[in-house]
Amino acid sequence: QALLLSSAAVRDADTAAPWVLRAQDGRAEKVAVRLGLRSGGWVEVLQGLQDGDLVLPGAAVQPGQRVRAAAAAR
């Protein structure tokens, strides 16, 4: 059972210190992650996130910025 994430949500994915932004208590929080396999626009997250964490893929969001979850447009 792997935790998969869109590769677009991972920042600095090709460096030794990849990270993502996670919504935590109404703020964008920078979280270091350890990555595994990558394929077809998806990446396996081995460490740093848990199932159910809300990851912020937008490049316009910065660590510490206030965020609010909303339903995705269809």
C-alpha atoms as a PDB file:
ATOM      1  CA  GLN A   1       0.000   0.000   0.000  1.00  0.00           C
ATOM      2  CA  ALA A   2       1.831   3.031  -1.299  1.00  0.00           C
ATOM      3  CA  LEU A   3       1.022   6.678  -0.676  1.00  0.00           C
ATOM      4  CA  LEU A   4       0.961   8.362  -4.093  1.00  0.00           C
ATOM      5  CA  LEU A   5       1.034  12.054  -4.877  1.00  0.00           C
ATOM      6  CA  SER A   6       0.979  14.022  -8.108  1.00  0.00           C
ATOM      7  CA  SER A   7       4.545  14.860  -9.027  1.00  0.00           C
ATOM      8  CA  ALA A   8       3.383  18.452  -9.674  1.00  0.00           C
ATOM      9  CA  ALA A   9       2.825  18.883  -5.918  1.00  0.00           C
ATOM     10  CA  VAL A  10       6.414  17.977  -5.001  1.00  0.00           C
ATOM     11  CA  ARG A  11       8.867  20.838  -4.934  1.00  0.00           C
ATOM     12  CA  ASP A  12      12.607  20.366  -5.438  1.00  0.00           C
ATOM     13  CA  ALA A  13      11.829  16.758  -6.402  1.00  0.00           C
ATOM     14  CA  ASP A  14      15.172  16.313  -8.144  1.00  0.00           C
ATOM     15  CA  THR A  15      17.230  17.498  -5.191  1.00  0.00           C
ATOM     16  CA  ALA A  16      18.341  15.801  -1.977  1.00  0.00           C
ATOM     17  CA  ALA A  17      15.628  17.671  -0.044  1.00  0.00           C
ATOM     18  CA  PRO A  18      12.205  17.395  -1.743  1.00  0.00           C
ATOM     19  CA  TRP A  19       9.231  18.959   0.050  1.00  0.00           C
ATOM     20  CA  VAL A  20       5.520  19.642  -0.227  1.00  0.00           C
ATOM     21  CA  LEU A  21       3.104  22.145   1.252  1.00  0.00           C
ATOM     22  CA  ARG A  22       0.522  20.645   3.585  1.00  0.00           C
ATOM     23  CA  ALA A  23      -2.527  22.464   4.958  1.00  0.00           C
ATOM     24  CA  GLN A  24      -2.181  22.397   8.733  1.00  0.00           C
ATOM     25  CA  ASP A  25      -4.301  24.461  11.126  1.00  0.00           C
ATOM     26  CA  GLY A  26      -5.281  26.918   8.380  1.00  0.00           C
ATOM     27  CA  ARG A  27      -1.730  27.566   7.179  1.00  0.00           C
ATOM     28  CA  ALA A  28       0.537  26.174   4.474  1.00  0.00           C
ATOM     29  CA  GLU A  29       3.248  24.130   6.181  1.00  0.00           C
ATOM     30  CA  LYS A  30       6.470  23.064   4.467  1.00  0.00           C
ATOM     31  CA  VAL A  31       7.039  19.330   4.969  1.00  0.00           C
ATOM     32  CA  ALA A  32      10.150  17.419   3.945  1.00  0.00           C
ATOM     33  CA  VAL A  33       9.356  14.144   2.192  1.00  0.00           C
ATOM     34  CA  ARG A  34      11.313  11.080   1.172  1.00  0.00           C
ATOM     35  CA  LEU A  35      10.360   9.878  -2.277  1.00  0.00           C
ATOM     36  CA  GLY A  36      10.291   6.417  -3.772  1.00  0.00           C
ATOM     37  CA  LEU A  37       9.256   5.272  -7.219  1.00  0.00           C
ATOM     38  CA  ARG A  38       8.136   7.764  -9.877  1.00  0.00           C
ATOM     39  CA  SER A  39       5.991   6.975 -12.893  1.00  0.00           C
ATOM     40  CA  GLY A  40       3.401   8.589 -15.129  1.00  0.00           C
ATOM     41  CA  GLY A  41       3.188  11.890 -13.253  1.00  0.00           C
ATOM     42  CA  TRP A  42       2.911  10.220  -9.839  1.00  0.00           C
ATOM     43  CA  VAL A  43       5.456   9.824  -7.074  1.00  0.00           C
ATOM     44  CA  GLU A  44       5.538   7.450  -4.122  1.00  0.00           C
ATOM     45  CA  VAL A  45       5.921   9.180  -0.740  1.00  0.00           C
ATOM     46  CA  LEU A  46       7.843   6.979   1.695  1.00  0.00           C
ATOM     47  CA  GLN A  47       8.114   9.417   4.585  1.00  0.00           C
ATOM     48  CA  GLY A  48       6.789  12.823   5.663  1.00  0.00           C
ATOM     49  CA  LEU A  49       3.073  12.493   4.887  1.00  0.00           C
ATOM     50  CA  GLN A  50       0.217  10.351   6.107  1.00  0.00           C
ATOM     51  CA  ASP A  51      -2.882   9.139   4.326  1.00  0.00           C
ATOM     52  CA  GLY A  52      -5.463  11.935   4.543  1.00  0.00           C
ATOM     53  CA  ASP A  53      -3.017  14.863   4.669  1.00  0.00           C
ATOM     54  CA  LEU A  54      -4.167  17.772   2.495  1.00  0.00           C
ATOM     55  CA  VAL A  55      -1.350  18.709   0.114  1.00  0.00           C
ATOM     56  CA  LEU A  56      -1.355  22.077  -1.678  1.00  0.00           C
ATOM     57  CA  PRO A  57      -0.203  21.747  -5.293  1.00  0.00           C
ATOM     58  CA  GLY A  58      -0.408  25.438  -6.264  1.00  0.00           C
ATOM     59  CA  ALA A  59       2.874  27.179  -6.979  1.00  0.00           C
ATOM     60  CA  ALA A  60       1.387  30.496  -5.799  1.00  0.00           C
ATOM     61  CA  VAL A  61       1.074  29.282  -2.197  1.00  0.00           C
ATOM     62  CA  GLN A  62       4.015  29.977   0.106  1.00  0.00           C
ATOM     63  CA  PRO A  63       4.933  28.384   3.469  1.00  0.00           C
ATOM     64  CA  GLY A  64       3.125  30.107   6.333  1.00  0.00           C
ATOM     65  CA  GLN A  65       0.420  31.559   4.097  1.00  0.00           C
ATOM     66  CA  ARG A  66      -3.174  31.211   5.326  1.00  0.00           C
ATOM     67  CA  VAL A  67      -5.146  28.594   3.377  1.00  0.00           C
ATOM     68  CA  ARG A  68      -8.653  27.196   3.382  1.00  0.00           C
ATOM     69  CA  ALA A  69      -9.840  23.905   1.937  1.00  0.00           C
ATOM     70  CA  ALA A  70     -12.568  24.062  -0.721  1.00  0.00           C
ATOM     71  CA  ALA A  71     -14.265  21.488  -2.898  1.00  0.00           C
ATOM     72  CA  ALA A  72     -12.612  20.964  -6.282  1.00  0.00           C
ATOM     73  CA  ALA A  73     -14.416  22.340  -9.329  1.00  0.00           C
ATOM     74  CA  ARG A  74     -15.697  19.699 -11.713  1.00  0.00           C
END
